[in-house]
Amino acid sequence: QRRVGELEKRLGQALVRRHATGYR
């Protein structure tokens, strides 16, 4: 979670969204 968050922060874009069935 931390690594994906860091990647999103560096890119300035959301890469994944959490849903009830997992990530998309």
mmCIF file of all heavy atoms, coordinates in Angstrom:
data_MODEL
# 
_entry.id   MODEL 
# 
loop_
_atom_site.group_PDB 
_atom_site.id 
_atom_site.type_symbol 
_atom_site.label_atom_id 
_atom_site.label_alt_id 
_atom_site.label_comp_id 
_atom_site.label_asym_id 
_atom_site.label_entity_id 
_atom_site.label_seq_id 
_atom_site.pdbx_PDB_ins_code 
_atom_site.Cartn_x 
_atom_site.Cartn_y 
_atom_site.Cartn_z 
_atom_site.occupancy 
_atom_site.B_iso_or_equiv 
_atom_site.pdbx_formal_charge 
_atom_site.auth_seq_id 
_atom_site.auth_comp_id 
_atom_site.auth_asym_id 
_atom_site.auth_atom_id 
_atom_site.pdbx_PDB_model_num 
ATOM 1   N N   . GLN A 1 1  ? 0.826   -1.204 0.000   1.00 0.00 ? 1  GLN A N   1 
ATOM 2   C CA  . GLN A 1 1  ? 0.000   0.000  0.000   1.00 0.00 ? 1  GLN A CA  1 
ATOM 3   C C   . GLN A 1 1  ? 0.862   1.257  0.000   1.00 0.00 ? 1  GLN A C   1 
ATOM 4   O O   . GLN A 1 1  ? 0.587   2.210  -0.729  1.00 0.00 ? 1  GLN A O   1 
ATOM 5   C CB  . GLN A 1 1  ? -0.934  0.001  1.211   1.00 0.00 ? 1  GLN A CB  1 
ATOM 6   C CG  . GLN A 1 1  ? -1.993  -1.062 1.138   1.00 0.00 ? 1  GLN A CG  1 
ATOM 7   C CD  . GLN A 1 1  ? -2.769  -1.217 2.432   1.00 0.00 ? 1  GLN A CD  1 
ATOM 8   O OE1 . GLN A 1 1  ? -2.262  -0.954 3.518   1.00 0.00 ? 1  GLN A OE1 1 
ATOM 9   N NE2 . GLN A 1 1  ? -4.008  -1.660 2.323   1.00 0.00 ? 1  GLN A NE2 1 
ATOM 10  N N   . ARG A 1 2  ? 1.909   1.242  0.799   1.00 0.00 ? 2  ARG A N   1 
ATOM 11  C CA  . ARG A 1 2  ? 2.800   2.395  0.883   1.00 0.00 ? 2  ARG A CA  1 
ATOM 12  C C   . ARG A 1 2  ? 3.529   2.633  -0.441  1.00 0.00 ? 2  ARG A C   1 
ATOM 13  O O   . ARG A 1 2  ? 3.615   3.762  -0.920  1.00 0.00 ? 2  ARG A O   1 
ATOM 14  C CB  . ARG A 1 2  ? 3.807   2.196  2.020   1.00 0.00 ? 2  ARG A CB  1 
ATOM 15  C CG  . ARG A 1 2  ? 4.675   3.392  2.283   1.00 0.00 ? 2  ARG A CG  1 
ATOM 16  C CD  . ARG A 1 2  ? 5.605   3.185  3.467   1.00 0.00 ? 2  ARG A CD  1 
ATOM 17  N NE  . ARG A 1 2  ? 6.594   2.156  3.188   1.00 0.00 ? 2  ARG A NE  1 
ATOM 18  C CZ  . ARG A 1 2  ? 6.620   0.954  3.739   1.00 0.00 ? 2  ARG A CZ  1 
ATOM 19  N NH1 . ARG A 1 2  ? 5.707   0.599  4.619   1.00 0.00 ? 2  ARG A NH1 1 
ATOM 20  N NH2 . ARG A 1 2  ? 7.558   0.089  3.440   1.00 0.00 ? 2  ARG A NH2 1 
ATOM 21  N N   . ARG A 1 3  ? 4.013   1.564  -1.069  1.00 0.00 ? 3  ARG A N   1 
ATOM 22  C CA  . ARG A 1 3  ? 4.752   1.687  -2.333  1.00 0.00 ? 3  ARG A CA  1 
ATOM 23  C C   . ARG A 1 3  ? 3.859   2.170  -3.464  1.00 0.00 ? 3  ARG A C   1 
ATOM 24  O O   . ARG A 1 3  ? 4.276   3.008  -4.259  1.00 0.00 ? 3  ARG A O   1 
ATOM 25  C CB  . ARG A 1 3  ? 5.377   0.354  -2.716  1.00 0.00 ? 3  ARG A CB  1 
ATOM 26  C CG  . ARG A 1 3  ? 6.433   -0.131 -1.783  1.00 0.00 ? 3  ARG A CG  1 
ATOM 27  C CD  . ARG A 1 3  ? 7.662   0.735  -1.858  1.00 0.00 ? 3  ARG A CD  1 
ATOM 28  N NE  . ARG A 1 3  ? 8.804   -0.081 -1.603  1.00 0.00 ? 3  ARG A NE  1 
ATOM 29  C CZ  . ARG A 1 3  ? 9.991   0.097  -2.106  1.00 0.00 ? 3  ARG A CZ  1 
ATOM 30  N NH1 . ARG A 1 3  ? 10.235  1.101  -2.896  1.00 0.00 ? 3  ARG A NH1 1 
ATOM 31  N NH2 . ARG A 1 3  ? 10.966  -0.705 -1.819  1.00 0.00 ? 3  ARG A NH2 1 
ATOM 32  N N   . VAL A 1 4  ? 2.640   1.662  -3.538  1.00 0.00 ? 4  VAL A N   1 
ATOM 33  C CA  . VAL A 1 4  ? 1.708   2.120  -4.571  1.00 0.00 ? 4  VAL A CA  1 
ATOM 34  C C   . VAL A 1 4  ? 1.355   3.581  -4.321  1.00 0.00 ? 4  VAL A C   1 
ATOM 35  O O   . VAL A 1 4  ? 1.303   4.386  -5.252  1.00 0.00 ? 4  VAL A O   1 
ATOM 36  C CB  . VAL A 1 4  ? 0.451   1.229  -4.634  1.00 0.00 ? 4  VAL A CB  1 
ATOM 37  C CG1 . VAL A 1 4  ? -0.607  1.834  -5.546  1.00 0.00 ? 4  VAL A CG1 1 
ATOM 38  C CG2 . VAL A 1 4  ? 0.815   -0.176 -5.100  1.00 0.00 ? 4  VAL A CG2 1 
ATOM 39  N N   . GLY A 1 5  ? 1.152   3.938  -3.071  1.00 0.00 ? 5  GLY A N   1 
ATOM 40  C CA  . GLY A 1 5  ? 0.875   5.326  -2.724  1.00 0.00 ? 5  GLY A CA  1 
ATOM 41  C C   . GLY A 1 5  ? 2.012   6.262  -3.110  1.00 0.00 ? 5  GLY A C   1 
ATOM 42  O O   . GLY A 1 5  ? 1.783   7.366  -3.614  1.00 0.00 ? 5  GLY A O   1 
ATOM 43  N N   . GLU A 1 6  ? 3.235   5.823  -2.894  1.00 0.00 ? 6  GLU A N   1 
ATOM 44  C CA  . GLU A 1 6  ? 4.399   6.627  -3.275  1.00 0.00 ? 6  GLU A CA  1 
ATOM 45  C C   . GLU A 1 6  ? 4.477   6.802  -4.785  1.00 0.00 ? 6  GLU A C   1 
ATOM 46  O O   . GLU A 1 6  ? 4.778   7.886  -5.273  1.00 0.00 ? 6  GLU A O   1 
ATOM 47  C CB  . GLU A 1 6  ? 5.694   5.980  -2.775  1.00 0.00 ? 6  GLU A CB  1 
ATOM 48  C CG  . GLU A 1 6  ? 6.044   6.335  -1.368  1.00 0.00 ? 6  GLU A CG  1 
ATOM 49  C CD  . GLU A 1 6  ? 6.284   7.823  -1.182  1.00 0.00 ? 6  GLU A CD  1 
ATOM 50  O OE1 . GLU A 1 6  ? 7.025   8.449  -1.974  1.00 0.00 ? 6  GLU A OE1 1 
ATOM 51  O OE2 . GLU A 1 6  ? 5.715   8.378  -0.228  1.00 0.00 ? 6  GLU A OE2 1 
ATOM 52  N N   . LEU A 1 7  ? 4.204   5.737  -5.518  1.00 0.00 ? 7  LEU A N   1 
ATOM 53  C CA  . LEU A 1 7  ? 4.225   5.827  -6.978  1.00 0.00 ? 7  LEU A CA  1 
ATOM 54  C C   . LEU A 1 7  ? 3.171   6.812  -7.470  1.00 0.00 ? 7  LEU A C   1 
ATOM 55  O O   . LEU A 1 7  ? 3.453   7.657  -8.320  1.00 0.00 ? 7  LEU A O   1 
ATOM 56  C CB  . LEU A 1 7  ? 4.000   4.441  -7.603  1.00 0.00 ? 7  LEU A CB  1 
ATOM 57  C CG  . LEU A 1 7  ? 4.005   4.379  -9.125  1.00 0.00 ? 7  LEU A CG  1 
ATOM 58  C CD1 . LEU A 1 7  ? 5.337   4.853  -9.695  1.00 0.00 ? 7  LEU A CD1 1 
ATOM 59  C CD2 . LEU A 1 7  ? 3.707   2.949  -9.581  1.00 0.00 ? 7  LEU A CD2 1 
ATOM 60  N N   . GLU A 1 8  ? 1.973   6.724  -6.910  1.00 0.00 ? 8  GLU A N   1 
ATOM 61  C CA  . GLU A 1 8  ? 0.909   7.651  -7.287  1.00 0.00 ? 8  GLU A CA  1 
ATOM 62  C C   . GLU A 1 8  ? 1.300   9.089  -6.951  1.00 0.00 ? 8  GLU A C   1 
ATOM 63  O O   . GLU A 1 8  ? 1.062   10.008 -7.742  1.00 0.00 ? 8  GLU A O   1 
ATOM 64  C CB  . GLU A 1 8  ? -0.398  7.280  -6.578  1.00 0.00 ? 8  GLU A CB  1 
ATOM 65  C CG  . GLU A 1 8  ? -1.007  6.005  -7.088  1.00 0.00 ? 8  GLU A CG  1 
ATOM 66  C CD  . GLU A 1 8  ? -2.269  5.611  -6.348  1.00 0.00 ? 8  GLU A CD  1 
ATOM 67  O OE1 . GLU A 1 8  ? -2.355  5.847  -5.114  1.00 0.00 ? 8  GLU A OE1 1 
ATOM 68  O OE2 . GLU A 1 8  ? -3.173  5.076  -7.008  1.00 0.00 ? 8  GLU A OE2 1 
ATOM 69  N N   . LYS A 1 9  ? 1.921   9.272  -5.806  1.00 0.00 ? 9  LYS A N   1 
ATOM 70  C CA  . LYS A 1 9  ? 2.344   10.606 -5.382  1.00 0.00 ? 9  LYS A CA  1 
ATOM 71  C C   . LYS A 1 9  ? 3.390   11.167 -6.345  1.00 0.00 ? 9  LYS A C   1 
ATOM 72  O O   . LYS A 1 9  ? 3.299   12.321 -6.767  1.00 0.00 ? 9  LYS A O   1 
ATOM 73  C CB  . LYS A 1 9  ? 2.919   10.528 -3.965  1.00 0.00 ? 9  LYS A CB  1 
ATOM 74  C CG  . LYS A 1 9  ? 3.380   11.827 -3.396  1.00 0.00 ? 9  LYS A CG  1 
ATOM 75  C CD  . LYS A 1 9  ? 3.887   11.607 -1.982  1.00 0.00 ? 9  LYS A CD  1 
ATOM 76  C CE  . LYS A 1 9  ? 4.677   12.777 -1.485  1.00 0.00 ? 9  LYS A CE  1 
ATOM 77  N NZ  . LYS A 1 9  ? 5.284   12.494 -0.174  1.00 0.00 ? 9  LYS A NZ  1 
ATOM 78  N N   . ARG A 1 10 ? 4.355   10.359 -6.726  1.00 0.00 ? 10 ARG A N   1 
ATOM 79  C CA  . ARG A 1 10 ? 5.406   10.814 -7.633  1.00 0.00 ? 10 ARG A CA  1 
ATOM 80  C C   . ARG A 1 10 ? 4.859   11.134 -9.019  1.00 0.00 ? 10 ARG A C   1 
ATOM 81  O O   . ARG A 1 10 ? 5.318   12.064 -9.671  1.00 0.00 ? 10 ARG A O   1 
ATOM 82  C CB  . ARG A 1 10 ? 6.505   9.770  -7.743  1.00 0.00 ? 10 ARG A CB  1 
ATOM 83  C CG  . ARG A 1 10 ? 7.342   9.639  -6.501  1.00 0.00 ? 10 ARG A CG  1 
ATOM 84  C CD  . ARG A 1 10 ? 8.430   8.601  -6.679  1.00 0.00 ? 10 ARG A CD  1 
ATOM 85  N NE  . ARG A 1 10 ? 9.018   8.208  -5.430  1.00 0.00 ? 10 ARG A NE  1 
ATOM 86  C CZ  . ARG A 1 10 ? 9.970   8.896  -4.800  1.00 0.00 ? 10 ARG A CZ  1 
ATOM 87  N NH1 . ARG A 1 10 ? 10.409  10.019 -5.318  1.00 0.00 ? 10 ARG A NH1 1 
ATOM 88  N NH2 . ARG A 1 10 ? 10.461  8.467  -3.667  1.00 0.00 ? 10 ARG A NH2 1 
ATOM 89  N N   . LEU A 1 11 ? 3.879   10.360 -9.457  1.00 0.00 ? 11 LEU A N   1 
ATOM 90  C CA  . LEU A 1 11 ? 3.294   10.583 -10.772 1.00 0.00 ? 11 LEU A CA  1 
ATOM 91  C C   . LEU A 1 11 ? 2.218   11.672 -10.756 1.00 0.00 ? 11 LEU A C   1 
ATOM 92  O O   . LEU A 1 11 ? 1.857   12.206 -11.796 1.00 0.00 ? 11 LEU A O   1 
ATOM 93  C CB  . LEU A 1 11 ? 2.686   9.281  -11.311 1.00 0.00 ? 11 LEU A CB  1 
ATOM 94  C CG  . LEU A 1 11 ? 3.668   8.155  -11.594 1.00 0.00 ? 11 LEU A CG  1 
ATOM 95  C CD1 . LEU A 1 11 ? 2.920   6.895  -11.992 1.00 0.00 ? 11 LEU A CD1 1 
ATOM 96  C CD2 . LEU A 1 11 ? 4.660   8.553  -12.675 1.00 0.00 ? 11 LEU A CD2 1 
ATOM 97  N N   . GLY A 1 12 ? 1.684   11.941 -9.572  1.00 0.00 ? 12 GLY A N   1 
ATOM 98  C CA  . GLY A 1 12 ? 0.623   12.930 -9.457  1.00 0.00 ? 12 GLY A CA  1 
ATOM 99  C C   . GLY A 1 12 ? -0.697  12.447 -10.027 1.00 0.00 ? 12 GLY A C   1 
ATOM 100 O O   . GLY A 1 12 ? -1.544  13.258 -10.398 1.00 0.00 ? 12 GLY A O   1 
ATOM 101 N N   . GLN A 1 13 ? -0.876  11.141 -10.086 1.00 0.00 ? 13 GLN A N   1 
ATOM 102 C CA  . GLN A 1 13 ? -2.080  10.531 -10.659 1.00 0.00 ? 13 GLN A CA  1 
ATOM 103 C C   . GLN A 1 13 ? -2.482  9.317  -9.841  1.00 0.00 ? 13 GLN A C   1 
ATOM 104 O O   . GLN A 1 13 ? -1.622  8.572  -9.373  1.00 0.00 ? 13 GLN A O   1 
ATOM 105 C CB  . GLN A 1 13 ? -1.817  10.062 -12.091 1.00 0.00 ? 13 GLN A CB  1 
ATOM 106 C CG  . GLN A 1 13 ? -1.458  11.138 -13.065 1.00 0.00 ? 13 GLN A CG  1 
ATOM 107 C CD  . GLN A 1 13 ? -2.668  11.940 -13.488 1.00 0.00 ? 13 GLN A CD  1 
ATOM 108 O OE1 . GLN A 1 13 ? -3.788  11.436 -13.510 1.00 0.00 ? 13 GLN A OE1 1 
ATOM 109 N NE2 . GLN A 1 13 ? -2.449  13.191 -13.822 1.00 0.00 ? 13 GLN A NE2 1 
ATOM 110 N N   . ALA A 1 14 ? -3.787  9.081  -9.722  1.00 0.00 ? 14 ALA A N   1 
ATOM 111 C CA  . ALA A 1 14 ? -4.281  7.863  -9.085  1.00 0.00 ? 14 ALA A CA  1 
ATOM 112 C C   . ALA A 1 14 ? -4.146  6.709  -10.078 1.00 0.00 ? 14 ALA A C   1 
ATOM 113 O O   . ALA A 1 14 ? -4.504  6.847  -11.246 1.00 0.00 ? 14 ALA A O   1 
ATOM 114 C CB  . ALA A 1 14 ? -5.725  8.028  -8.667  1.00 0.00 ? 14 ALA A CB  1 
ATOM 115 N N   . LEU A 1 15 ? -3.601  5.612  -9.640  1.00 0.00 ? 15 LEU A N   1 
ATOM 116 C CA  . LEU A 1 15 ? -3.412  4.441  -10.501 1.00 0.00 ? 15 LEU A CA  1 
ATOM 117 C C   . LEU A 1 15 ? -4.409  3.336  -10.203 1.00 0.00 ? 15 LEU A C   1 
ATOM 118 O O   . LEU A 1 15 ? -4.707  2.528  -11.076 1.00 0.00 ? 15 LEU A O   1 
ATOM 119 C CB  . LEU A 1 15 ? -1.987  3.899  -10.350 1.00 0.00 ? 15 LEU A CB  1 
ATOM 120 C CG  . LEU A 1 15 ? -0.870  4.873  -10.694 1.00 0.00 ? 15 LEU A CG  1 
ATOM 121 C CD1 . LEU A 1 15 ? 0.481   4.256  -10.357 1.00 0.00 ? 15 LEU A CD1 1 
ATOM 122 C CD2 . LEU A 1 15 ? -0.941  5.266  -12.152 1.00 0.00 ? 15 LEU A CD2 1 
ATOM 123 N N   . VAL A 1 16 ? -4.887  3.279  -8.958  1.00 0.00 ? 16 VAL A N   1 
ATOM 124 C CA  . VAL A 1 16 ? -5.838  2.239  -8.550  1.00 0.00 ? 16 VAL A CA  1 
ATOM 125 C C   . VAL A 1 16 ? -6.955  2.868  -7.729  1.00 0.00 ? 16 VAL A C   1 
ATOM 126 O O   . VAL A 1 16 ? -6.786  3.919  -7.120  1.00 0.00 ? 16 VAL A O   1 
ATOM 127 C CB  . VAL A 1 16 ? -5.161  1.120  -7.724  1.00 0.00 ? 16 VAL A CB  1 
ATOM 128 C CG1 . VAL A 1 16 ? -4.161  0.347  -8.547  1.00 0.00 ? 16 VAL A CG1 1 
ATOM 129 C CG2 . VAL A 1 16 ? -4.498  1.673  -6.481  1.00 0.00 ? 16 VAL A CG2 1 
ATOM 130 N N   . ARG A 1 17 ? -8.092  2.202  -7.728  1.00 0.00 ? 17 ARG A N   1 
ATOM 131 C CA  . ARG A 1 17 ? -9.234  2.570  -6.894  1.00 0.00 ? 17 ARG A CA  1 
ATOM 132 C C   . ARG A 1 17 ? -9.666  1.335  -6.136  1.00 0.00 ? 17 ARG A C   1 
ATOM 133 O O   . ARG A 1 17 ? -9.757  0.237  -6.705  1.00 0.00 ? 17 ARG A O   1 
ATOM 134 C CB  . ARG A 1 17 ? -10.408 3.064  -7.743  1.00 0.00 ? 17 ARG A CB  1 
ATOM 135 C CG  . ARG A 1 17 ? -10.158 4.343  -8.447  1.00 0.00 ? 17 ARG A CG  1 
ATOM 136 C CD  . ARG A 1 17 ? -10.360 5.514  -7.484  1.00 0.00 ? 17 ARG A CD  1 
ATOM 137 N NE  . ARG A 1 17 ? -10.192 6.758  -8.211  1.00 0.00 ? 17 ARG A NE  1 
ATOM 138 C CZ  . ARG A 1 17 ? -9.330  7.696  -7.856  1.00 0.00 ? 17 ARG A CZ  1 
ATOM 139 N NH1 . ARG A 1 17 ? -8.583  7.548  -6.812  1.00 0.00 ? 17 ARG A NH1 1 
ATOM 140 N NH2 . ARG A 1 17 ? -9.223  8.785  -8.564  1.00 0.00 ? 17 ARG A NH2 1 
ATOM 141 N N   . ARG A 1 18 ? -9.959  1.509  -4.865  1.00 0.00 ? 18 ARG A N   1 
ATOM 142 C CA  . ARG A 1 18 ? -10.408 0.395  -4.046  1.00 0.00 ? 18 ARG A CA  1 
ATOM 143 C C   . ARG A 1 18 ? -11.904 0.188  -4.240  1.00 0.00 ? 18 ARG A C   1 
ATOM 144 O O   . ARG A 1 18 ? -12.680 1.137  -4.219  1.00 0.00 ? 18 ARG A O   1 
ATOM 145 C CB  . ARG A 1 18 ? -10.109 0.652  -2.573  1.00 0.00 ? 18 ARG A CB  1 
ATOM 146 C CG  . ARG A 1 18 ? -10.456 -0.531 -1.725  1.00 0.00 ? 18 ARG A CG  1 
ATOM 147 C CD  . ARG A 1 18 ? -10.079 -0.287 -0.283  1.00 0.00 ? 18 ARG A CD  1 
ATOM 148 N NE  . ARG A 1 18 ? -10.585 -1.368 0.506   1.00 0.00 ? 18 ARG A NE  1 
ATOM 149 C CZ  . ARG A 1 18 ? -9.842  -2.358 0.980   1.00 0.00 ? 18 ARG A CZ  1 
ATOM 150 N NH1 . ARG A 1 18 ? -8.565  -2.364 0.749   1.00 0.00 ? 18 ARG A NH1 1 
ATOM 151 N NH2 . ARG A 1 18 ? -10.385 -3.323 1.683   1.00 0.00 ? 18 ARG A NH2 1 
ATOM 152 N N   . HIS A 1 19 ? -12.293 -1.059 -4.448  1.00 0.00 ? 19 HIS A N   1 
ATOM 153 C CA  . HIS A 1 19 ? -13.700 -1.448 -4.571  1.00 0.00 ? 19 HIS A CA  1 
ATOM 154 C C   . HIS A 1 19 ? -13.961 -2.577 -3.590  1.00 0.00 ? 19 HIS A C   1 
ATOM 155 O O   . HIS A 1 19 ? -13.028 -3.171 -3.052  1.00 0.00 ? 19 HIS A O   1 
ATOM 156 C CB  . HIS A 1 19 ? -13.996 -1.931 -5.992  1.00 0.00 ? 19 HIS A CB  1 
ATOM 157 C CG  . HIS A 1 19 ? -13.932 -0.837 -7.002  1.00 0.00 ? 19 HIS A CG  1 
ATOM 158 N ND1 . HIS A 1 19 ? -15.019 -0.066 -7.334  1.00 0.00 ? 19 HIS A ND1 1 
ATOM 159 C CD2 . HIS A 1 19 ? -12.903 -0.366 -7.745  1.00 0.00 ? 19 HIS A CD2 1 
ATOM 160 C CE1 . HIS A 1 19 ? -14.666 0.826  -8.224  1.00 0.00 ? 19 HIS A CE1 1 
ATOM 161 N NE2 . HIS A 1 19 ? -13.383 0.670  -8.497  1.00 0.00 ? 19 HIS A NE2 1 
ATOM 162 N N   . ALA A 1 20 ? -15.209 -2.900 -3.378  1.00 0.00 ? 20 ALA A N   1 
ATOM 163 C CA  . ALA A 1 20 ? -15.574 -3.962 -2.426  1.00 0.00 ? 20 ALA A CA  1 
ATOM 164 C C   . ALA A 1 20 ? -14.943 -5.297 -2.800  1.00 0.00 ? 20 ALA A C   1 
ATOM 165 O O   . ALA A 1 20 ? -14.648 -6.115 -1.933  1.00 0.00 ? 20 ALA A O   1 
ATOM 166 C CB  . ALA A 1 20 ? -17.087 -4.087 -2.352  1.00 0.00 ? 20 ALA A CB  1 
ATOM 167 N N   . THR A 1 21 ? -14.711 -5.511 -4.073  1.00 0.00 ? 21 THR A N   1 
ATOM 168 C CA  . THR A 1 21 ? -14.157 -6.795 -4.528  1.00 0.00 ? 21 THR A CA  1 
ATOM 169 C C   . THR A 1 21 ? -12.651 -6.750 -4.753  1.00 0.00 ? 21 THR A C   1 
ATOM 170 O O   . THR A 1 21 ? -12.085 -7.708 -5.256  1.00 0.00 ? 21 THR A O   1 
ATOM 171 C CB  . THR A 1 21 ? -14.841 -7.229 -5.835  1.00 0.00 ? 21 THR A CB  1 
ATOM 172 O OG1 . THR A 1 21 ? -14.644 -6.204 -6.819  1.00 0.00 ? 21 THR A OG1 1 
ATOM 173 C CG2 . THR A 1 21 ? -16.323 -7.474 -5.619  1.00 0.00 ? 21 THR A CG2 1 
ATOM 174 N N   . GLY A 1 22 ? -12.012 -5.645 -4.411  1.00 0.00 ? 22 GLY A N   1 
ATOM 175 C CA  . GLY A 1 22 ? -10.561 -5.538 -4.588  1.00 0.00 ? 22 GLY A CA  1 
ATOM 176 C C   . GLY A 1 22 ? -10.195 -4.218 -5.235  1.00 0.00 ? 22 GLY A C   1 
ATOM 177 O O   . GLY A 1 22 ? -10.959 -3.263 -5.199  1.00 0.00 ? 22 GLY A O   1 
ATOM 178 N N   . TYR A 1 23 ? -9.044  -4.170 -5.844  1.00 0.00 ? 23 TYR A N   1 
ATOM 179 C CA  . TYR A 1 23 ? -8.563  -2.957 -6.476  1.00 0.00 ? 23 TYR A CA  1 
ATOM 180 C C   . TYR A 1 23 ? -8.802  -3.029 -7.977  1.00 0.00 ? 23 TYR A C   1 
ATOM 181 O O   . TYR A 1 23 ? -8.665  -4.079 -8.586  1.00 0.00 ? 23 TYR A O   1 
ATOM 182 C CB  . TYR A 1 23 ? -7.067  -2.771 -6.221  1.00 0.00 ? 23 TYR A CB  1 
ATOM 183 C CG  . TYR A 1 23 ? -6.775  -2.247 -4.839  1.00 0.00 ? 23 TYR A CG  1 
ATOM 184 C CD1 . TYR A 1 23 ? -6.779  -3.088 -3.732  1.00 0.00 ? 23 TYR A CD1 1 
ATOM 185 C CD2 . TYR A 1 23 ? -6.481  -0.915 -4.630  1.00 0.00 ? 23 TYR A CD2 1 
ATOM 186 C CE1 . TYR A 1 23 ? -6.507  -2.612 -2.464  1.00 0.00 ? 23 TYR A CE1 1 
ATOM 187 C CE2 . TYR A 1 23 ? -6.211  -0.426 -3.367  1.00 0.00 ? 23 TYR A CE2 1 
ATOM 188 C CZ  . TYR A 1 23 ? -6.218  -1.273 -2.294  1.00 0.00 ? 23 TYR A CZ  1 
ATOM 189 O OH  . TYR A 1 23 ? -5.957  -0.797 -1.040  1.00 0.00 ? 23 TYR A OH  1 
ATOM 190 N N   . ARG A 1 24 ? -9.128  -1.870 -8.547  1.00 0.00 ? 24 ARG A N   1 
ATOM 191 C CA  . ARG A 1 24 ? -9.286  -1.766 -10.003 1.00 0.00 ? 24 ARG A CA  1 
ATOM 192 C C   . ARG A 1 24 ? -8.402  -0.640 -10.491 1.00 0.00 ? 24 ARG A C   1 
ATOM 193 O O   . ARG A 1 24 ? -8.238  0.379  -9.818  1.00 0.00 ? 24 ARG A O   1 
ATOM 194 C CB  . ARG A 1 24 ? -10.739 -1.475 -10.357 1.00 0.00 ? 24 ARG A CB  1 
ATOM 195 C CG  . ARG A 1 24 ? -11.639 -2.609 -9.960  1.00 0.00 ? 24 ARG A CG  1 
ATOM 196 C CD  . ARG A 1 24 ? -12.872 -2.664 -10.811 1.00 0.00 ? 24 ARG A CD  1 
ATOM 197 N NE  . ARG A 1 24 ? -13.689 -3.786 -10.351 1.00 0.00 ? 24 ARG A NE  1 
ATOM 198 C CZ  . ARG A 1 24 ? -14.924 -3.676 -9.963  1.00 0.00 ? 24 ARG A CZ  1 
ATOM 199 N NH1 . ARG A 1 24 ? -15.533 -2.517 -9.994  1.00 0.00 ? 24 ARG A NH1 1 
ATOM 200 N NH2 . ARG A 1 24 ? -15.596 -4.744 -9.567  1.00 0.00 ? 24 ARG A NH2 1 
# 
